[in-house]
Amino acid sequence: MIDPMLRVTPRDGAGAGASLRANLADNVDVAIETFLGGANMNIGELNALLAGGVVTLDCALNALVELRVNGVPIAHGELVAVGDKFGVRITTLAP
């Protein structure tokens, strides 16, 4: 059976193999999503939505957004302007 793990013989100590695996993972792209807040409404309210309508979220104006990778929280931060786009200034990293 072929082992799919990359095997490396360390030259400069026992940590060389782990270091190479970490470096290989550095090039893997992941999608980062932000979560600001949510809202609940009934089907009637949902059906009544029109362009220009406003849905009030369950978070304060100064609330931190949550950054997620595959649905897993990785950090929290503040929304900031980056040119004509939104950005997130990281305030805390998930443990």
PDB file of N, CA and C in Angstrom:
ATOM      1  N   MET A   1       0.845  -1.177   0.000  1.00  0.00           N
ATOM      2  CA  MET A   1       0.000   0.000   0.000  1.00  0.00           C
ATOM      3  C   MET A   1       0.889   1.238   0.000  1.00  0.00           C
ATOM      4  N   ILE A   2       0.532   2.237  -0.792  1.00  0.00           N
ATOM      5  CA  ILE A   2       1.322   3.458  -0.885  1.00  0.00           C
ATOM      6  C   ILE A   2       0.838   4.441   0.170  1.00  0.00           C
ATOM      7  N   ASP A   3       1.781   4.966   0.934  1.00  0.00           N
ATOM      8  CA  ASP A   3       1.465   5.951   1.967  1.00  0.00           C
ATOM      9  C   ASP A   3       1.383   7.325   1.305  1.00  0.00           C
ATOM     10  N   PRO A   4       0.249   8.038   1.396  1.00  0.00           N
ATOM     11  CA  PRO A   4       0.119   9.329   0.727  1.00  0.00           C
ATOM     12  C   PRO A   4       0.888  10.455   1.408  1.00  0.00           C
ATOM     13  N   MET A   5       1.402  10.232   2.600  1.00  0.00           N
ATOM     14  CA  MET A   5       2.151  11.273   3.301  1.00  0.00           C
ATOM     15  C   MET A   5       3.536  11.432   2.698  1.00  0.00           C
ATOM     16  N   LEU A   6       3.976  12.653   2.573  1.00  0.00           N
ATOM     17  CA  LEU A   6       5.311  12.941   2.089  1.00  0.00           C
ATOM     18  C   LEU A   6       6.309  12.553   3.164  1.00  0.00           C
ATOM     19  N   ARG A   7       7.301  11.773   2.795  1.00  0.00           N
ATOM     20  CA  ARG A   7       8.334  11.354   3.747  1.00  0.00           C
ATOM     21  C   ARG A   7       9.598  12.174   3.505  1.00  0.00           C
ATOM     22  N   VAL A   8      10.135  12.712   4.584  1.00  0.00           N
ATOM     23  CA  VAL A   8      11.349  13.513   4.500  1.00  0.00           C
ATOM     24  C   VAL A   8      12.314  13.017   5.553  1.00  0.00           C
ATOM     25  N   THR A   9      13.566  12.856   5.163  1.00  0.00           N
ATOM     26  CA  THR A   9      14.599  12.496   6.123  1.00  0.00           C
ATOM     27  C   THR A   9      15.240  13.787   6.603  1.00  0.00           C
ATOM     28  N   PRO A  10      15.044  14.153   7.865  1.00  0.00           N
ATOM     29  CA  PRO A  10      15.591  15.418   8.354  1.00  0.00           C
ATOM     30  C   PRO A  10      17.107  15.415   8.380  1.00  0.00           C
ATOM     31  N   ARG A  11      17.683  16.547   7.989  1.00  0.00           N
ATOM     32  CA  ARG A  11      19.139  16.707   8.025  1.00  0.00           C
ATOM     33  C   ARG A  11      19.567  17.518   9.244  1.00  0.00           C
ATOM     34  N   ASP A  12      18.767  18.517   9.568  1.00  0.00           N
ATOM     35  CA  ASP A  12      19.170  19.449  10.624  1.00  0.00           C
ATOM     36  C   ASP A  12      18.317  19.311  11.875  1.00  0.00           C
ATOM     37  N   GLY A  13      17.912  18.129  12.219  1.00  0.00           N
ATOM     38  CA  GLY A  13      17.124  17.934  13.431  1.00  0.00           C
ATOM     39  C   GLY A  13      15.795  17.279  13.129  1.00  0.00           C
ATOM     40  N   ALA A  14      15.134  16.855  14.175  1.00  0.00           N
ATOM     41  CA  ALA A  14      13.909  16.076  14.044  1.00  0.00           C
ATOM     42  C   ALA A  14      12.736  16.895  13.522  1.00  0.00           C
ATOM     43  N   GLY A  15      12.766  18.210  13.628  1.00  0.00           N
ATOM     44  CA  GLY A  15      11.624  19.022  13.220  1.00  0.00           C
ATOM     45  C   GLY A  15      11.566  19.332  11.745  1.00  0.00           C
ATOM     46  N   ALA A  16      12.513  18.916  10.948  1.00  0.00           N
ATOM     47  CA  ALA A  16      12.559  19.290   9.535  1.00  0.00           C
ATOM     48  C   ALA A  16      11.364  18.764   8.758  1.00  0.00           C
ATOM     49  N   GLY A  17      10.913  17.537   9.019  1.00  0.00           N
ATOM     50  CA  GLY A  17       9.773  16.977   8.295  1.00  0.00           C
ATOM     51  C   GLY A  17       8.505  17.747   8.575  1.00  0.00           C
ATOM     52  N   ALA A  18       8.265  18.061   9.828  1.00  0.00           N
ATOM     53  CA  ALA A  18       7.073  18.828  10.190  1.00  0.00           C
ATOM     54  C   ALA A  18       7.127  20.213   9.570  1.00  0.00           C
ATOM     55  N   SER A  19       8.312  20.796   9.518  1.00  0.00           N
ATOM     56  CA  SER A  19       8.472  22.116   8.932  1.00  0.00           C
ATOM     57  C   SER A  19       8.139  22.093   7.445  1.00  0.00           C
ATOM     58  N   LEU A  20       8.578  21.064   6.731  1.00  0.00           N
ATOM     59  CA  LEU A  20       8.292  20.962   5.302  1.00  0.00           C
ATOM     60  C   LEU A  20       6.799  20.792   5.070  1.00  0.00           C
ATOM     61  N   ARG A  21       6.130  19.967   5.868  1.00  0.00           N
ATOM     62  CA  ARG A  21       4.685  19.788   5.714  1.00  0.00           C
ATOM     63  C   ARG A  21       3.957  21.108   5.960  1.00  0.00           C
ATOM     64  N   ALA A  22       4.399  21.863   6.956  1.00  0.00           N
ATOM     65  CA  ALA A  22       3.777  23.156   7.228  1.00  0.00           C
ATOM     66  C   ALA A  22       3.993  24.097   6.054  1.00  0.00           C
ATOM     67  N   ASN A  23       5.195  24.095   5.468  1.00  0.00           N
ATOM     68  CA  ASN A  23       5.465  24.962   4.328  1.00  0.00           C
ATOM     69  C   ASN A  23       4.609  24.576   3.128  1.00  0.00           C
ATOM     70  N   LEU A  24       4.375  23.286   2.897  1.00  0.00           N
ATOM     71  CA  LEU A  24       3.519  22.854   1.798  1.00  0.00           C
ATOM     72  C   LEU A  24       2.090  23.338   2.024  1.00  0.00           C
ATOM     73  N   ALA A  25       1.620  23.281   3.242  1.00  0.00           N
ATOM     74  CA  ALA A  25       0.260  23.722   3.558  1.00  0.00           C
ATOM     75  C   ALA A  25       0.108  25.232   3.398  1.00  0.00           C
ATOM     76  N   ASP A  26       1.198  25.979   3.509  1.00  0.00           N
ATOM     77  CA  ASP A  26       1.133  27.432   3.362  1.00  0.00           C
ATOM     78  C   ASP A  26       0.593  27.852   2.000  1.00  0.00           C
ATOM     79  N   ASN A  27       0.674  27.013   0.991  1.00  0.00           N
ATOM     80  CA  ASN A  27       0.237  27.353  -0.362  1.00  0.00           C
ATOM     81  C   ASN A  27      -1.188  26.904  -0.674  1.00  0.00           C
ATOM     82  N   VAL A  28      -1.888  26.334   0.294  1.00  0.00           N
ATOM     83  CA  VAL A  28      -3.259  25.875   0.081  1.00  0.00           C
ATOM     84  C   VAL A  28      -4.212  27.053   0.296  1.00  0.00           C
ATOM     85  N   ASP A  29      -5.056  27.335  -0.705  1.00  0.00           N
ATOM     86  CA  ASP A  29      -6.029  28.418  -0.602  1.00  0.00           C
ATOM     87  C   ASP A  29      -7.234  27.975   0.222  1.00  0.00           C
ATOM     88  N   VAL A  30      -7.728  28.866   1.059  1.00  0.00           N
ATOM     89  CA  VAL A  30      -8.953  28.620   1.818  1.00  0.00           C
ATOM     90  C   VAL A  30      -9.869  29.826   1.632  1.00  0.00           C
ATOM     91  N   ALA A  31     -11.157  29.602   1.722  1.00  0.00           N
ATOM     92  CA  ALA A  31     -12.130  30.689   1.630  1.00  0.00           C
ATOM     93  C   ALA A  31     -12.442  31.183   3.038  1.00  0.00           C
ATOM     94  N   ILE A  32     -12.268  32.468   3.245  1.00  0.00           N
ATOM     95  CA  ILE A  32     -12.575  33.080   4.538  1.00  0.00           C
ATOM     96  C   ILE A  32     -13.905  33.806   4.398  1.00  0.00           C
ATOM     97  N   GLU A  33     -14.822  33.533   5.306  1.00  0.00           N
ATOM     98  CA  GLU A  33     -16.123  34.191   5.324  1.00  0.00           C
ATOM     99  C   GLU A  33     -16.212  35.057   6.563  1.00  0.00           C
ATOM    100  N   THR A  34     -17.000  36.110   6.483  1.00  0.00           N
ATOM    101  CA  THR A  34     -17.260  36.937   7.656  1.00  0.00           C
ATOM    102  C   THR A  34     -18.723  36.791   8.041  1.00  0.00           C
ATOM    103  N   PHE A  35     -18.980  36.867   9.329  1.00  0.00           N
ATOM    104  CA  PHE A  35     -20.350  36.804   9.834  1.00  0.00           C
ATOM    105  C   PHE A  35     -20.570  38.006  10.726  1.00  0.00           C
ATOM    106  N   LEU A  36     -21.570  38.797  10.389  1.00  0.00           N
ATOM    107  CA  LEU A  36     -21.866  40.006  11.146  1.00  0.00           C
ATOM    108  C   LEU A  36     -23.020  39.795  12.119  1.00  0.00           C
ATOM    109  N   GLY A  37     -24.084  39.223  11.665  1.00  0.00           N
ATOM    110  CA  GLY A  37     -25.248  39.025  12.519  1.00  0.00           C
ATOM    111  C   GLY A  37     -26.358  38.386  11.722  1.00  0.00           C
ATOM    112  N   GLY A  38     -27.485  38.231  12.346  1.00  0.00           N
ATOM    113  CA  GLY A  38     -28.607  37.592  11.672  1.00  0.00           C
ATOM    114  C   GLY A  38     -29.912  38.261  12.044  1.00  0.00           C
ATOM    115  N   ALA A  39     -30.980  37.726  11.506  1.00  0.00           N
ATOM    116  CA  ALA A  39     -32.315  38.235  11.794  1.00  0.00           C
ATOM    117  C   ALA A  39     -33.300  37.089  11.676  1.00  0.00           C
ATOM    118  N   ASN A  40     -34.385  37.184  12.398  1.00  0.00           N
ATOM    119  CA  ASN A  40     -35.481  36.222  12.292  1.00  0.00           C
ATOM    120  C   ASN A  40     -36.721  36.958  11.825  1.00  0.00           C
ATOM    121  N   MET A  41     -37.442  36.340  10.929  1.00  0.00           N
ATOM    122  CA  MET A  41     -38.723  36.880  10.486  1.00  0.00           C
ATOM    123  C   MET A  41     -39.599  35.726  10.051  1.00  0.00           C
ATOM    124  N   ASN A  42     -40.888  35.978  10.025  1.00  0.00           N
ATOM    125  CA  ASN A  42     -41.784  34.920   9.577  1.00  0.00           C
ATOM    126  C   ASN A  42     -41.894  34.952   8.050  1.00  0.00           C
ATOM    127  N   ILE A  43     -42.528  33.956   7.486  1.00  0.00           N
ATOM    128  CA  ILE A  43     -42.634  33.842   6.033  1.00  0.00           C
ATOM    129  C   ILE A  43     -43.381  35.031   5.429  1.00  0.00           C
ATOM    130  N   GLY A  44     -44.404  35.515   6.126  1.00  0.00           N
ATOM    131  CA  GLY A  44     -45.139  36.679   5.634  1.00  0.00           C
ATOM    132  C   GLY A  44     -44.239  37.897   5.501  1.00  0.00           C
ATOM    133  N   GLU A  45     -43.398  38.132   6.535  1.00  0.00           N
ATOM    134  CA  GLU A  45     -42.460  39.261   6.486  1.00  0.00           C
ATOM    135  C   GLU A  45     -41.434  39.058   5.377  1.00  0.00           C
ATOM    136  N   LEU A  46     -40.968  37.834   5.221  1.00  0.00           N
ATOM    137  CA  LEU A  46     -40.004  37.523   4.165  1.00  0.00           C
ATOM    138  C   LEU A  46     -40.612  37.788   2.791  1.00  0.00           C
ATOM    139  N   ASN A  47     -41.847  37.347   2.583  1.00  0.00           N
ATOM    140  CA  ASN A  47     -42.524  37.565   1.303  1.00  0.00           C
ATOM    141  C   ASN A  47     -42.807  39.037   1.031  1.00  0.00           C
ATOM    142  N   ALA A  48     -42.902  39.853   2.087  1.00  0.00           N
ATOM    143  CA  ALA A  48     -43.205  41.274   1.933  1.00  0.00           C
ATOM    144  C   ALA A  48     -41.962  42.119   1.653  1.00  0.00           C
ATOM    145  N   LEU A  49     -40.773  41.518   1.682  1.00  0.00           N
ATOM    146  CA  LEU A  49     -39.555  42.291   1.434  1.00  0.00           C
ATOM    147  C   LEU A  49     -39.559  42.877   0.030  1.00  0.00           C
ATOM    148  N   LEU A  50     -39.133  44.124  -0.062  1.00  0.00           N
ATOM    149  CA  LEU A  50     -39.033  44.822  -1.340  1.00  0.00           C
ATOM    150  C   LEU A  50     -37.644  45.420  -1.469  1.00  0.00           C
ATOM    151  N   ALA A  51     -37.229  45.704  -2.682  1.00  0.00           N
ATOM    152  CA  ALA A  51     -35.967  46.414  -2.901  1.00  0.00           C
ATOM    153  C   ALA A  51     -36.035  47.742  -2.154  1.00  0.00           C
ATOM    154  N   GLY A  52     -34.991  48.072  -1.431  1.00  0.00           N
ATOM    155  CA  GLY A  52     -34.963  49.292  -0.631  1.00  0.00           C
ATOM    156  C   GLY A  52     -35.397  49.070   0.804  1.00  0.00           C
ATOM    157  N   GLY A  53     -35.979  47.910   1.088  1.00  0.00           N
ATOM    158  CA  GLY A  53     -36.365  47.585   2.456  1.00  0.00           C
ATOM    159  C   GLY A  53     -35.132  47.348   3.315  1.00  0.00           C
ATOM    160  N   VAL A  54     -35.306  47.396   4.608  1.00  0.00           N
ATOM    161  CA  VAL A  54     -34.196  47.216   5.545  1.00  0.00           C
ATOM    162  C   VAL A  54     -34.509  46.052   6.473  1.00  0.00           C
ATOM    163  N   VAL A  55     -33.555  45.156   6.628  1.00  0.00           N
ATOM    164  CA  VAL A  55     -33.653  44.052   7.585  1.00  0.00           C
ATOM    165  C   VAL A  55     -32.734  44.399   8.747  1.00  0.00           C
ATOM    166  N   THR A  56     -33.278  44.515   9.952  1.00  0.00           N
ATOM    167  CA  THR A  56     -32.493  44.850  11.132  1.00  0.00           C
ATOM    168  C   THR A  56     -31.804  43.595  11.653  1.00  0.00           C
ATOM    169  N   LEU A  57     -30.491  43.675  11.815  1.00  0.00           N
ATOM    170  CA  LEU A  57     -29.705  42.546  12.312  1.00  0.00           C
ATOM    171  C   LEU A  57     -29.659  42.558  13.833  1.00  0.00           C
ATOM    172  N   ASP A  58     -29.343  41.413  14.408  1.00  0.00           N
ATOM    173  CA  ASP A  58     -29.309  41.258  15.866  1.00  0.00           C
ATOM    174  C   ASP A  58     -27.947  41.615  16.463  1.00  0.00           C
ATOM    175  N   CYS A  59     -27.304  42.646  15.916  1.00  0.00           N
ATOM    176  CA  CYS A  59     -25.991  43.043  16.444  1.00  0.00           C
ATOM    177  C   CYS A  59     -25.899  44.562  16.476  1.00  0.00           C
ATOM    178  N   ALA A  60     -25.042  45.055  17.353  1.00  0.00           N
ATOM    179  CA  ALA A  60     -24.838  46.496  17.495  1.00  0.00           C
ATOM    180  C   ALA A  60     -23.976  47.026  16.348  1.00  0.00           C
ATOM    181  N   LEU A  61     -24.038  48.337  16.135  1.00  0.00           N
ATOM    182  CA  LEU A  61     -23.234  48.956  15.078  1.00  0.00           C
ATOM    183  C   LEU A  61     -21.740  48.742  15.283  1.00  0.00           C
ATOM    184  N   ASN A  62     -21.312  48.674  16.537  1.00  0.00           N
ATOM    185  CA  ASN A  62     -19.886  48.506  16.831  1.00  0.00           C
ATOM    186  C   ASN A  62     -19.520  47.047  17.107  1.00  0.00           C
ATOM    187  N   ALA A  63     -20.403  46.118  16.769  1.00  0.00           N
ATOM    188  CA  ALA A  63     -20.137  44.695  17.030  1.00  0.00           C
ATOM    189  C   ALA A  63     -18.974  44.199  16.173  1.00  0.00           C
ATOM    190  N   LEU A  64     -18.241  43.245  16.717  1.00  0.00           N
ATOM    191  CA  LEU A  64     -17.154  42.627  15.970  1.00  0.00           C
ATOM    192  C   LEU A  64     -17.717  41.609  14.991  1.00  0.00           C
ATOM    193  N   VAL A  65     -17.091  41.498  13.836  1.00  0.00           N
ATOM    194  CA  VAL A  65     -17.467  40.445  12.891  1.00  0.00           C
ATOM    195  C   VAL A  65     -16.627  39.217  13.195  1.00  0.00           C
ATOM    196  N   GLU A  66     -17.133  38.068  12.806  1.00  0.00           N
ATOM    197  CA  GLU A  66     -16.433  36.806  13.030  1.00  0.00           C
ATOM    198  C   GLU A  66     -15.894  36.316  11.695  1.00  0.00           C
ATOM    199  N   LEU A  67     -14.626  35.957  11.653  1.00  0.00           N
ATOM    200  CA  LEU A  67     -14.047  35.348  10.460  1.00  0.00           C
ATOM    201  C   LEU A  67     -14.096  33.845  10.618  1.00  0.00           C
ATOM    202  N   ARG A  68     -14.516  33.147   9.549  1.00  0.00           N
ATOM    203  CA  ARG A  68     -14.661  31.693   9.599  1.00  0.00           C
ATOM    204  C   ARG A  68     -13.988  31.051   8.389  1.00  0.00           C
ATOM    205  N   VAL A  69     -13.422  29.877   8.610  1.00  0.00           N
ATOM    206  CA  VAL A  69     -12.921  29.019   7.537  1.00  0.00           C
ATOM    207  C   VAL A  69     -13.670  27.700   7.665  1.00  0.00           C
ATOM    208  N   ASN A  70     -14.368  27.301   6.622  1.00  0.00           N
ATOM    209  CA  ASN A  70     -15.206  26.089   6.649  1.00  0.00           C
ATOM    210  C   ASN A  70     -16.179  26.105   7.825  1.00  0.00           C
ATOM    211  N   GLY A  71     -16.722  27.274   8.137  1.00  0.00           N
ATOM    212  CA  GLY A  71     -17.683  27.400   9.221  1.00  0.00           C
ATOM    213  C   GLY A  71     -17.077  27.456  10.607  1.00  0.00           C
ATOM    214  N   VAL A  72     -15.755  27.346  10.705  1.00  0.00           N
ATOM    215  CA  VAL A  72     -15.073  27.338  12.002  1.00  0.00           C
ATOM    216  C   VAL A  72     -14.526  28.736  12.292  1.00  0.00           C
ATOM    217  N   PRO A  73     -14.911  29.338  13.421  1.00  0.00           N
ATOM    218  CA  PRO A  73     -14.393  30.665  13.762  1.00  0.00           C
ATOM    219  C   PRO A  73     -12.875  30.640  13.946  1.00  0.00           C
ATOM    220  N   ILE A  74     -12.190  31.600  13.302  1.00  0.00           N
ATOM    221  CA  ILE A  74     -10.735  31.694  13.442  1.00  0.00           C
ATOM    222  C   ILE A  74     -10.301  33.014  14.060  1.00  0.00           C
ATOM    223  N   ALA A  75     -11.165  34.044  13.997  1.00  0.00           N
ATOM    224  CA  ALA A  75     -10.798  35.355  14.531  1.00  0.00           C
ATOM    225  C   ALA A  75     -12.036  36.240  14.613  1.00  0.00           C
ATOM    226  N   HIS A  76     -11.880  37.368  15.323  1.00  0.00           N
ATOM    227  CA  HIS A  76     -12.890  38.420  15.375  1.00  0.00           C
ATOM    228  C   HIS A  76     -12.205  39.726  15.006  1.00  0.00           C
ATOM    229  N   GLY A  77     -12.971  40.658  14.464  1.00  0.00           N
ATOM    230  CA  GLY A  77     -12.374  41.928  14.091  1.00  0.00           C
ATOM    231  C   GLY A  77     -13.410  42.995  13.813  1.00  0.00           C
ATOM    232  N   GLU A  78     -12.891  44.178  13.479  1.00  0.00           N
ATOM    233  CA  GLU A  78     -13.717  45.349  13.204  1.00  0.00           C
ATOM    234  C   GLU A  78     -13.797  45.562  11.698  1.00  0.00           C
ATOM    235  N   LEU A  79     -14.979  45.943  11.217  1.00  0.00           N
ATOM    236  CA  LEU A  79     -15.103  46.311   9.816  1.00  0.00           C
ATOM    237  C   LEU A  79     -14.382  47.628   9.581  1.00  0.00           C
ATOM    238  N   VAL A  80     -13.608  47.692   8.507  1.00  0.00           N
ATOM    239  CA  VAL A  80     -12.888  48.901   8.129  1.00  0.00           C
ATOM    240  C   VAL A  80     -13.046  49.105   6.629  1.00  0.00           C
ATOM    241  N   ALA A  81     -12.795  50.321   6.181  1.00  0.00           N
ATOM    242  CA  ALA A  81     -12.789  50.615   4.752  1.00  0.00           C
ATOM    243  C   ALA A  81     -11.383  50.404   4.217  1.00  0.00           C
ATOM    244  N   VAL A  82     -11.286  49.689   3.103  1.00  0.00           N
ATOM    245  CA  VAL A  82     -10.013  49.489   2.402  1.00  0.00           C
ATOM    246  C   VAL A  82     -10.260  49.962   0.975  1.00  0.00           C
ATOM    247  N   GLY A  83      -9.961  51.237   0.728  1.00  0.00           N
ATOM    248  CA  GLY A  83     -10.330  51.813  -0.559  1.00  0.00           C
ATOM    249  C   GLY A  83     -11.845  51.829  -0.666  1.00  0.00           C
ATOM    250  N   ASP A  84     -12.375  51.222  -1.731  1.00  0.00           N
ATOM    251  CA  ASP A  84     -13.828  51.165  -1.899  1.00  0.00           C
ATOM    252  C   ASP A  84     -14.393  49.797  -1.523  1.00  0.00           C
ATOM    253  N   LYS A  85     -13.661  49.056  -0.693  1.00  0.00           N
ATOM    254  CA  LYS A  85     -14.096  47.727  -0.254  1.00  0.00           C
ATOM    255  C   LYS A  85     -14.105  47.663   1.274  1.00  0.00           C
ATOM    256  N   PHE A  86     -14.752  46.627   1.787  1.00  0.00           N
ATOM    257  CA  PHE A  86     -14.709  46.359   3.220  1.00  0.00           C
ATOM    258  C   PHE A  86     -13.477  45.528   3.532  1.00  0.00           C
ATOM    259  N   GLY A  87     -12.955  45.702   4.737  1.00  0.00           N
ATOM    260  CA  GLY A  87     -11.892  44.861   5.265  1.00  0.00           C
ATOM    261  C   GLY A  87     -12.217  44.553   6.715  1.00  0.00           C
ATOM    262  N   VAL A  88     -11.430  43.688   7.314  1.00  0.00           N
ATOM    263  CA  VAL A  88     -11.606  43.354   8.728  1.00  0.00           C
ATOM    264  C   VAL A  88     -10.261  43.519   9.425  1.00  0.00           C
ATOM    265  N   ARG A  89     -10.214  44.407  10.422  1.00  0.00           N
ATOM    266  CA  ARG A  89      -9.024  44.562  11.260  1.00  0.00           C
ATOM    267  C   ARG A  89      -9.147  43.547  12.383  1.00  0.00           C
ATOM    268  N   ILE A  90      -8.215  42.596  12.440  1.00  0.00           N
ATOM    269  CA  ILE A  90      -8.258  41.516  13.423  1.00  0.00           C
ATOM    270  C   ILE A  90      -8.035  42.087  14.822  1.00  0.00           C
ATOM    271  N   THR A  91      -8.936  41.733  15.738  1.00  0.00           N
ATOM    272  CA  THR A  91      -8.774  42.153  17.131  1.00  0.00           C
ATOM    273  C   THR A  91      -8.409  40.978  18.031  1.00  0.00           C
ATOM    274  N   THR A  92      -8.959  39.800  17.745  1.00  0.00           N
ATOM    275  CA  THR A  92      -8.621  38.608  18.531  1.00  0.00           C
ATOM    276  C   THR A  92      -8.592  37.389  17.619  1.00  0.00           C
ATOM    277  N   LEU A  93      -7.701  36.466  17.933  1.00  0.00           N
ATOM    278  CA  LEU A  93      -7.634  35.184  17.229  1.00  0.00           C
ATOM    279  C   LEU A  93      -8.318  34.126  18.075  1.00  0.00           C
ATOM    280  N   ALA A  94      -8.956  33.178  17.424  1.00  0.00           N
ATOM    281  CA  ALA A  94      -9.611  32.089  18.150  1.00  0.00           C
ATOM    282  C   ALA A  94      -8.548  31.219  18.806  1.00  0.00           C
ATOM    283  N   PRO A  95      -8.880  30.653  19.971  1.00  0.00           N
ATOM    284  CA  PRO A  95      -7.891  29.793  20.645  1.00  0.00           C
ATOM    285  C   PRO A  95      -7.635  28.515  19.871  1.00  0.00           C
TER     286      PRO A  95
END
